[in-house]
C-alpha atoms as a PDB file:
ATOM      1  CA  MET A   1     -80.834  47.290  -3.589  1.00  0.00           C
ATOM      2  CA  ASN A   2     -80.243  51.032  -4.407  1.00  0.00           C
ATOM      3  CA  LYS A   3     -80.710  53.654  -1.537  1.00  0.00           C
ATOM      4  CA  VAL A   4     -83.843  56.076  -2.259  1.00  0.00           C
ATOM      5  CA  LEU A   5     -83.677  59.713  -1.068  1.00  0.00           C
ATOM      6  CA  PRO A   6     -86.600  61.854  -1.161  1.00  0.00           C
ATOM      7  CA  SER A   7     -85.673  65.429  -1.804  1.00  0.00           C
ATOM      8  CA  LEU A   8     -87.378  67.933   0.624  1.00  0.00           C
ATOM      9  CA  LEU A   9     -87.420  70.873  -1.322  1.00  0.00           C
ATOM     10  CA  ALA A  10     -90.119  69.339  -3.926  1.00  0.00           C
ATOM     11  CA  GLY A  11     -92.427  68.563  -0.626  1.00  0.00           C
ATOM     12  CA  ASP A  12     -95.374  70.830   0.778  1.00  0.00           C
ATOM     13  CA  PHE A  13     -93.736  73.876   3.089  1.00  0.00           C
ATOM     14  CA  MET A  14     -97.152  73.446   4.732  1.00  0.00           C
ATOM     15  CA  ARG A  15     -97.730  70.206   5.444  1.00  0.00           C
ATOM     16  CA  LEU A  16     -93.883  69.436   6.044  1.00  0.00           C
ATOM     17  CA  GLY A  17     -93.855  67.328   8.763  1.00  0.00           C
ATOM     18  CA  ASP A  18     -96.874  65.170   7.146  1.00  0.00           C
ATOM     19  CA  ASP A  19     -94.634  64.697   4.641  1.00  0.00           C
ATOM     20  CA  ILE A  20     -91.993  63.594   6.095  1.00  0.00           C
ATOM     21  CA  GLU A  21     -94.283  61.289   8.119  1.00  0.00           C
ATOM     22  CA  LYS A  22     -95.840  59.405   4.990  1.00  0.00           C
ATOM     23  CA  MET A  23     -92.386  59.816   3.361  1.00  0.00           C
ATOM     24  CA  GLU A  24     -90.640  57.637   6.367  1.00  0.00           C
ATOM     25  CA  ALA A  25     -94.047  55.075   5.787  1.00  0.00           C
ATOM     26  CA  ALA A  26     -93.515  54.787   2.145  1.00  0.00           C
ATOM     27  CA  GLY A  27     -89.448  52.910   2.724  1.00  0.00           C
ATOM     28  CA  ALA A  28     -87.578  56.174   2.097  1.00  0.00           C
ATOM     29  CA  ASP A  29     -83.854  55.689   3.851  1.00  0.00           C
ATOM     30  CA  ILE A  30     -82.499  59.352   3.887  1.00  0.00           C
ATOM     31  CA  PHE A  31     -83.971  62.344   3.271  1.00  0.00           C
ATOM     32  CA  HIS A  32     -81.876  65.071   0.872  1.00  0.00           C
ATOM     33  CA  LEU A  33     -81.952  69.226   1.859  1.00  0.00           C
ATOM     34  CA  ASP A  34     -80.610  70.816  -0.918  1.00  0.00           C
ATOM     35  CA  ILE A  35     -79.313  74.167   1.473  1.00  0.00           C
ATOM     36  CA  MET A  36     -79.287  77.155  -1.678  1.00  0.00           C
ATOM     37  CA  ASP A  37     -77.540  80.655  -0.863  1.00  0.00           C
ATOM     38  CA  GLY A  38     -78.326  82.892  -4.161  1.00  0.00           C
ATOM     39  CA  GLN A  39     -75.019  82.875  -5.128  1.00  0.00           C
ATOM     40  CA  PHE A  40     -74.021  79.826  -5.595  1.00  0.00           C
ATOM     41  CA  VAL A  41     -77.047  78.911  -7.510  1.00  0.00           C
ATOM     42  CA  PRO A  42     -80.110  81.326  -8.232  1.00  0.00           C
ATOM     43  CA  ASN A  43     -82.329  80.590  -6.207  1.00  0.00           C
ATOM     44  CA  ILE A  44     -82.585  80.211  -2.144  1.00  0.00           C
ATOM     45  CA  SER A  45     -83.990  76.971  -0.720  1.00  0.00           C
ATOM     46  CA  TYR A  46     -84.268  77.158   3.650  1.00  0.00           C
ATOM     47  CA  GLY A  47     -81.631  77.795   6.686  1.00  0.00           C
ATOM     48  CA  LEU A  48     -80.820  76.368   9.839  1.00  0.00           C
ATOM     49  CA  PRO A  49     -84.095  76.850  11.629  1.00  0.00           C
ATOM     50  CA  VAL A  50     -85.633  74.602   8.906  1.00  0.00           C
ATOM     51  CA  VAL A  51     -83.253  71.853   8.751  1.00  0.00           C
ATOM     52  CA  LYS A  52     -83.399  71.597  12.743  1.00  0.00           C
ATOM     53  CA  ALA A  53     -87.221  71.220  12.672  1.00  0.00           C
ATOM     54  CA  ILE A  54     -86.495  68.068  10.152  1.00  0.00           C
ATOM     55  CA  ALA A  55     -83.996  66.994  12.116  1.00  0.00           C
ATOM     56  CA  GLU A  56     -86.442  67.155  15.051  1.00  0.00           C
ATOM     57  CA  LYS A  57     -89.055  65.377  13.088  1.00  0.00           C
ATOM     58  CA  SER A  58     -87.102  62.693  10.932  1.00  0.00           C
ATOM     59  CA  THR A  59     -86.095  59.176  12.156  1.00  0.00           C
ATOM     60  CA  ILE A  60     -84.051  58.997   9.074  1.00  0.00           C
ATOM     61  CA  PRO A  61     -80.461  60.222   8.534  1.00  0.00           C
ATOM     62  CA  LEU A  62     -80.387  63.570   6.464  1.00  0.00           C
ATOM     63  CA  ASP A  63     -77.983  64.401   3.449  1.00  0.00           C
ATOM     64  CA  VAL A  64     -77.388  67.978   3.230  1.00  0.00           C
ATOM     65  CA  HIS A  65     -76.454  69.436  -0.079  1.00  0.00           C
ATOM     66  CA  LEU A  66     -74.760  72.562  -0.118  1.00  0.00           C
ATOM     67  CA  MET A  67     -74.934  74.920  -2.989  1.00  0.00           C
ATOM     68  CA  THR A  68     -73.780  77.302  -1.346  1.00  0.00           C
ATOM     69  CA  ASN A  69     -70.538  79.315  -1.490  1.00  0.00           C
ATOM     70  CA  GLN A  70     -68.106  78.984   1.264  1.00  0.00           C
ATOM     71  CA  PRO A  71     -69.574  75.552   2.059  1.00  0.00           C
ATOM     72  CA  GLU A  72     -67.364  75.300   5.276  1.00  0.00           C
ATOM     73  CA  GLN A  73     -69.792  77.679   7.179  1.00  0.00           C
ATOM     74  CA  PHE A  74     -72.302  76.161   9.665  1.00  0.00           C
ATOM     75  CA  ILE A  75     -71.142  72.586   9.516  1.00  0.00           C
ATOM     76  CA  PRO A  76     -69.923  72.343  12.744  1.00  0.00           C
ATOM     77  CA  GLU A  77     -73.802  73.138  13.716  1.00  0.00           C
ATOM     78  CA  PHE A  78     -75.644  70.945  11.103  1.00  0.00           C
ATOM     79  CA  ALA A  79     -73.235  68.237  12.945  1.00  0.00           C
ATOM     80  CA  GLU A  80     -75.160  69.141  16.394  1.00  0.00           C
ATOM     81  CA  MET A  81     -78.450  69.011  14.742  1.00  0.00           C
ATOM     82  CA  GLY A  82     -77.672  65.287  14.168  1.00  0.00           C
ATOM     83  CA  VAL A  83     -77.147  65.650   9.914  1.00  0.00           C
ATOM     84  CA  ALA A  84     -75.781  62.237   8.858  1.00  0.00           C
ATOM     85  CA  MET A  85     -74.088  63.509   5.180  1.00  0.00           C
ATOM     86  CA  VAL A  86     -72.661  66.618   3.948  1.00  0.00           C
ATOM     87  CA  SER A  87     -71.722  67.348   0.220  1.00  0.00           C
ATOM     88  CA  PHE A  88     -70.249  70.176  -0.952  1.00  0.00           C
ATOM     89  CA  HIS A  89     -69.661  71.598  -4.391  1.00  0.00           C
ATOM     90  CA  ILE A  90     -65.794  71.268  -6.066  1.00  0.00           C
ATOM     91  CA  GLU A  91     -66.358  74.449  -7.717  1.00  0.00           C
ATOM     92  CA  ALA A  92     -67.543  76.600  -4.595  1.00  0.00           C
ATOM     93  CA  THR A  93     -63.865  76.189  -3.346  1.00  0.00           C
ATOM     94  CA  ALA A  94     -60.142  76.127  -3.819  1.00  0.00           C
ATOM     95  CA  HIS A  95     -59.599  74.169  -0.672  1.00  0.00           C
ATOM     96  CA  PRO A  96     -61.943  70.705  -1.080  1.00  0.00           C
ATOM     97  CA  HIS A  97     -59.797  68.718   1.644  1.00  0.00           C
ATOM     98  CA  ARG A  98     -59.884  70.949   4.510  1.00  0.00           C
ATOM     99  CA  ILE A  99     -63.805  71.184   3.931  1.00  0.00           C
ATOM    100  CA  MET A 100     -63.788  67.260   3.777  1.00  0.00           C
ATOM    101  CA  GLN A 101     -61.531  67.392   7.102  1.00  0.00           C
ATOM    102  CA  LEU A 102     -64.125  69.726   8.553  1.00  0.00           C
ATOM    103  CA  ILE A 103     -67.053  67.709   8.112  1.00  0.00           C
ATOM    104  CA  HIS A 104     -64.985  64.311   8.954  1.00  0.00           C
ATOM    105  CA  ASN A 105     -63.738  65.675  12.080  1.00  0.00           C
ATOM    106  CA  HIS A 106     -67.648  66.672  13.005  1.00  0.00           C
ATOM    107  CA  GLY A 107     -68.444  63.042  12.665  1.00  0.00           C
ATOM    108  CA  MET A 108     -70.366  63.624   9.597  1.00  0.00           C
ATOM    109  CA  LYS A 109     -69.654  61.560   6.179  1.00  0.00           C
ATOM    110  CA  ALA A 110     -68.124  63.850   3.812  1.00  0.00           C
ATOM    111  CA  GLY A 111     -69.128  63.931   0.004  1.00  0.00           C
ATOM    112  CA  ILE A 112     -68.184  66.210  -2.930  1.00  0.00           C
ATOM    113  CA  ALA A 113     -70.615  67.267  -5.789  1.00  0.00           C
ATOM    114  CA  LEU A 114     -69.568  67.940  -9.303  1.00  0.00           C
ATOM    115  CA  ASN A 115     -72.291  70.184 -11.827  1.00  0.00           C
ATOM    116  CA  PRO A 116     -73.041  68.453 -15.155  1.00  0.00           C
ATOM    117  CA  HIS A 117     -69.811  70.376 -16.767  1.00  0.00           C
ATOM    118  CA  THR A 118     -67.634  69.534 -14.179  1.00  0.00           C
ATOM    119  CA  PRO A 119     -65.386  66.513 -15.196  1.00  0.00           C
ATOM    120  CA  VAL A 120     -64.872  63.814 -12.571  1.00  0.00           C
ATOM    121  CA  ASN A 121     -60.952  63.875 -12.974  1.00  0.00           C
ATOM    122  CA  MET A 122     -61.669  67.077 -10.876  1.00  0.00           C
ATOM    123  CA  VAL A 123     -62.269  65.078  -7.715  1.00  0.00           C
ATOM    124  CA  LYS A 124     -60.023  62.532  -8.505  1.00  0.00           C
ATOM    125  CA  HIS A 125     -57.686  63.643  -5.360  1.00  0.00           C
ATOM    126  CA  LEU A 126     -60.295  63.286  -2.899  1.00  0.00           C
ATOM    127  CA  LEU A 127     -61.247  60.018  -4.099  1.00  0.00           C
ATOM    128  CA  PRO A 128     -59.559  57.839  -1.205  1.00  0.00           C
ATOM    129  CA  GLU A 129     -60.935  60.002   1.556  1.00  0.00           C
ATOM    130  CA  ILE A 130     -64.417  60.654   0.263  1.00  0.00           C
ATOM    131  CA  ASP A 131     -67.438  58.972   1.600  1.00  0.00           C
ATOM    132  CA  PHE A 132     -69.253  59.898  -1.495  1.00  0.00           C
ATOM    133  CA  VAL A 133     -69.451  61.717  -4.624  1.00  0.00           C
ATOM    134  CA  LEU A 134     -72.878  63.269  -5.612  1.00  0.00           C
ATOM    135  CA  ILE A 135     -72.943  63.404  -9.874  1.00  0.00           C
ATOM    136  CA  MET A 136     -75.806  66.399 -10.538  1.00  0.00           C
ATOM    137  CA  THR A 137     -77.866  65.210 -13.449  1.00  0.00           C
ATOM    138  CA  VAL A 138     -79.161  68.952 -13.730  1.00  0.00           C
ATOM    139  CA  ASN A 139     -77.726  72.404 -12.800  1.00  0.00           C
ATOM    140  CA  PRO A 140     -78.251  73.034  -9.554  1.00  0.00           C
ATOM    141  CA  GLY A 141     -80.893  75.890  -8.262  1.00  0.00           C
ATOM    142  CA  PHE A 142     -84.404  74.513  -9.162  1.00  0.00           C
ATOM    143  CA  GLY A 143     -86.171  71.399  -8.833  1.00  0.00           C
ATOM    144  CA  GLY A 144     -88.091  69.630 -11.708  1.00  0.00           C
ATOM    145  CA  GLN A 145     -85.863  70.082 -14.681  1.00  0.00           C
ATOM    146  CA  GLU A 146     -84.776  67.736 -17.553  1.00  0.00           C
ATOM    147  CA  PHE A 147     -82.175  64.777 -17.005  1.00  0.00           C
ATOM    148  CA  ILE A 148     -79.203  65.540 -18.859  1.00  0.00           C
ATOM    149  CA  SER A 149     -78.137  62.244 -20.149  1.00  0.00           C
ATOM    150  CA  SER A 150     -74.495  63.282 -20.962  1.00  0.00           C
ATOM    151  CA  CYS A 151     -74.001  62.742 -17.229  1.00  0.00           C
ATOM    152  CA  VAL A 152     -74.554  59.503 -17.383  1.00  0.00           C
ATOM    153  CA  ASP A 153     -70.791  58.727 -18.854  1.00  0.00           C
ATOM    154  CA  LYS A 154     -69.442  60.931 -15.837  1.00  0.00           C
ATOM    155  CA  ILE A 155     -70.930  58.635 -13.717  1.00  0.00           C
ATOM    156  CA  GLU A 156     -69.609  55.348 -15.609  1.00  0.00           C
ATOM    157  CA  GLU A 157     -66.508  56.805 -15.327  1.00  0.00           C
ATOM    158  CA  LEU A 158     -66.299  57.213 -11.940  1.00  0.00           C
ATOM    159  CA  ALA A 159     -67.428  53.711 -11.174  1.00  0.00           C
ATOM    160  CA  VAL A 160     -64.576  52.471 -13.090  1.00  0.00           C
ATOM    161  CA  MET A 161     -62.273  54.331 -10.961  1.00  0.00           C
ATOM    162  CA  LYS A 162     -63.391  53.248  -7.918  1.00  0.00           C
ATOM    163  CA  GLU A 163     -63.521  49.275  -8.956  1.00  0.00           C
ATOM    164  CA  ASP A 164     -60.170  49.798 -10.532  1.00  0.00           C
ATOM    165  CA  SER A 165     -58.564  51.657  -7.088  1.00  0.00           C
ATOM    166  CA  GLY A 166     -60.504  49.454  -4.659  1.00  0.00           C
ATOM    167  CA  TYR A 167     -62.365  52.587  -3.055  1.00  0.00           C
ATOM    168  CA  ASP A 168     -65.418  52.332  -1.384  1.00  0.00           C
ATOM    169  CA  PHE A 169     -67.049  55.685  -1.820  1.00  0.00           C
ATOM    170  CA  ALA A 170     -70.427  55.681  -2.662  1.00  0.00           C
ATOM    171  CA  ILE A 171     -72.041  57.147  -5.908  1.00  0.00           C
ATOM    172  CA  GLU A 172     -74.860  59.324  -5.803  1.00  0.00           C
ATOM    173  CA  VAL A 173     -76.815  61.111  -8.463  1.00  0.00           C
ATOM    174  CA  ASP A 174     -79.642  64.156  -7.765  1.00  0.00           C
ATOM    175  CA  GLY A 175     -81.552  65.246 -11.213  1.00  0.00           C
ATOM    176  CA  GLY A 176     -84.520  64.381 -13.004  1.00  0.00           C
ATOM    177  CA  ILE A 177     -84.562  61.023 -11.339  1.00  0.00           C
ATOM    178  CA  ASN A 178     -87.567  58.933 -12.237  1.00  0.00           C
ATOM    179  CA  ASN A 179     -88.680  55.006 -13.034  1.00  0.00           C
ATOM    180  CA  GLU A 180     -86.446  55.591 -16.296  1.00  0.00           C
ATOM    181  CA  THR A 181     -83.144  57.730 -15.408  1.00  0.00           C
ATOM    182  CA  ALA A 182     -82.659  55.944 -12.139  1.00  0.00           C
ATOM    183  CA  GLU A 183     -82.425  52.521 -13.833  1.00  0.00           C
ATOM    184  CA  ILE A 184     -79.686  54.270 -16.595  1.00  0.00           C
ATOM    185  CA  CYS A 185     -78.043  55.488 -13.579  1.00  0.00           C
ATOM    186  CA  THR A 186     -78.160  52.378 -11.575  1.00  0.00           C
ATOM    187  CA  LYS A 187     -76.688  50.276 -14.343  1.00  0.00           C
ATOM    188  CA  ALA A 188     -73.940  52.811 -14.614  1.00  0.00           C
ATOM    189  CA  GLY A 189     -72.867  52.714 -10.990  1.00  0.00           C
ATOM    190  CA  ALA A 190     -75.270  54.724  -8.858  1.00  0.00           C
ATOM    191  CA  GLY A 191     -77.049  53.171  -5.816  1.00  0.00           C
ATOM    192  CA  LEU A 192     -77.994  56.749  -4.167  1.00  0.00           C
ATOM    193  CA  LEU A 193     -80.703  58.275  -6.136  1.00  0.00           C
ATOM    194  CA  VAL A 194     -82.468  61.491  -5.307  1.00  0.00           C
ATOM    195  CA  SER A 195     -85.592  62.072  -6.403  1.00  0.00           C
ATOM    196  CA  GLY A 196     -87.716  65.066  -5.917  1.00  0.00           C
ATOM    197  CA  SER A 197     -90.912  65.886  -8.198  1.00  0.00           C
ATOM    198  CA  HIS A 198     -91.107  62.305  -9.224  1.00  0.00           C
ATOM    199  CA  LEU A 199     -91.578  61.158  -5.513  1.00  0.00           C
ATOM    200  CA  PHE A 200     -93.922  63.582  -3.826  1.00  0.00           C
ATOM    201  CA  LYS A 201     -96.068  63.868  -7.491  1.00  0.00           C
ATOM    202  CA  SER A 202     -96.502  60.401  -7.599  1.00  0.00           C
ATOM    203  CA  GLY A 203     -99.991  58.786  -6.503  1.00  0.00           C
ATOM    204  CA  ASP A 204     -98.450  56.151  -4.240  1.00  0.00           C
ATOM    205  CA  TRP A 205     -95.506  57.011  -2.648  1.00  0.00           C
ATOM    206  CA  LYS A 206     -94.773  53.649  -1.341  1.00  0.00           C
ATOM    207  CA  ARG A 207     -94.527  52.237  -5.074  1.00  0.00           C
ATOM    208  CA  ALA A 208     -92.919  55.188  -6.044  1.00  0.00           C
ATOM    209  CA  VAL A 209     -89.986  54.457  -3.394  1.00  0.00           C
ATOM    210  CA  ASP A 210     -90.030  50.523  -4.130  1.00  0.00           C
ATOM    211  CA  THR A 211     -89.697  51.017  -8.184  1.00  0.00           C
ATOM    212  CA  LEU A 212     -86.310  53.376  -7.957  1.00  0.00           C
ATOM    213  CA  LYS A 213     -85.139  50.930  -4.837  1.00  0.00           C
ATOM    214  CA  GLY A 214     -85.304  48.170  -7.333  1.00  0.00           C
END
């Protein structure tokens, strides 16, 4: 069964606490938090105080996705808040292994994220030690974008590498995930499904979550 990660960026920020409670009741597994700096991506999301407030409210794990330059910043702070998973972009650093170790040393699962144009081979050397790989199926920075179907090939390629080498990392996918694209990604090998607009704009959150879980 897939795990469903609602992206809180698509929630109602005036009623975020209510949205968290309702999405947990709907069966969400993990909350996905997109951290944007306005430099690595052309948008700004929320900072540490909001993450702290979410962490205090949520009863399920938090998955922080760093769409930032210098992703090593604030990793200790995320750990103190109780964040369970942190992913950073391979395109944002010359020292990915160092950042991965930093995340692990603070007791969190480490993930590496790839933009749509970035080949899987760029993270091949990290796969023996990484906990999850995040395949972006839209260009990061804004919600509600159309799914880039060519990224499915990258999920399949990564799944083959995982099987052939006996690795145990998870494959996460983010961008344009709905019932149709979730099925495509799951068949390709993904098991962690991030969904924002599709979940929060659905009329029945529990039904939407259950459908994505498969």
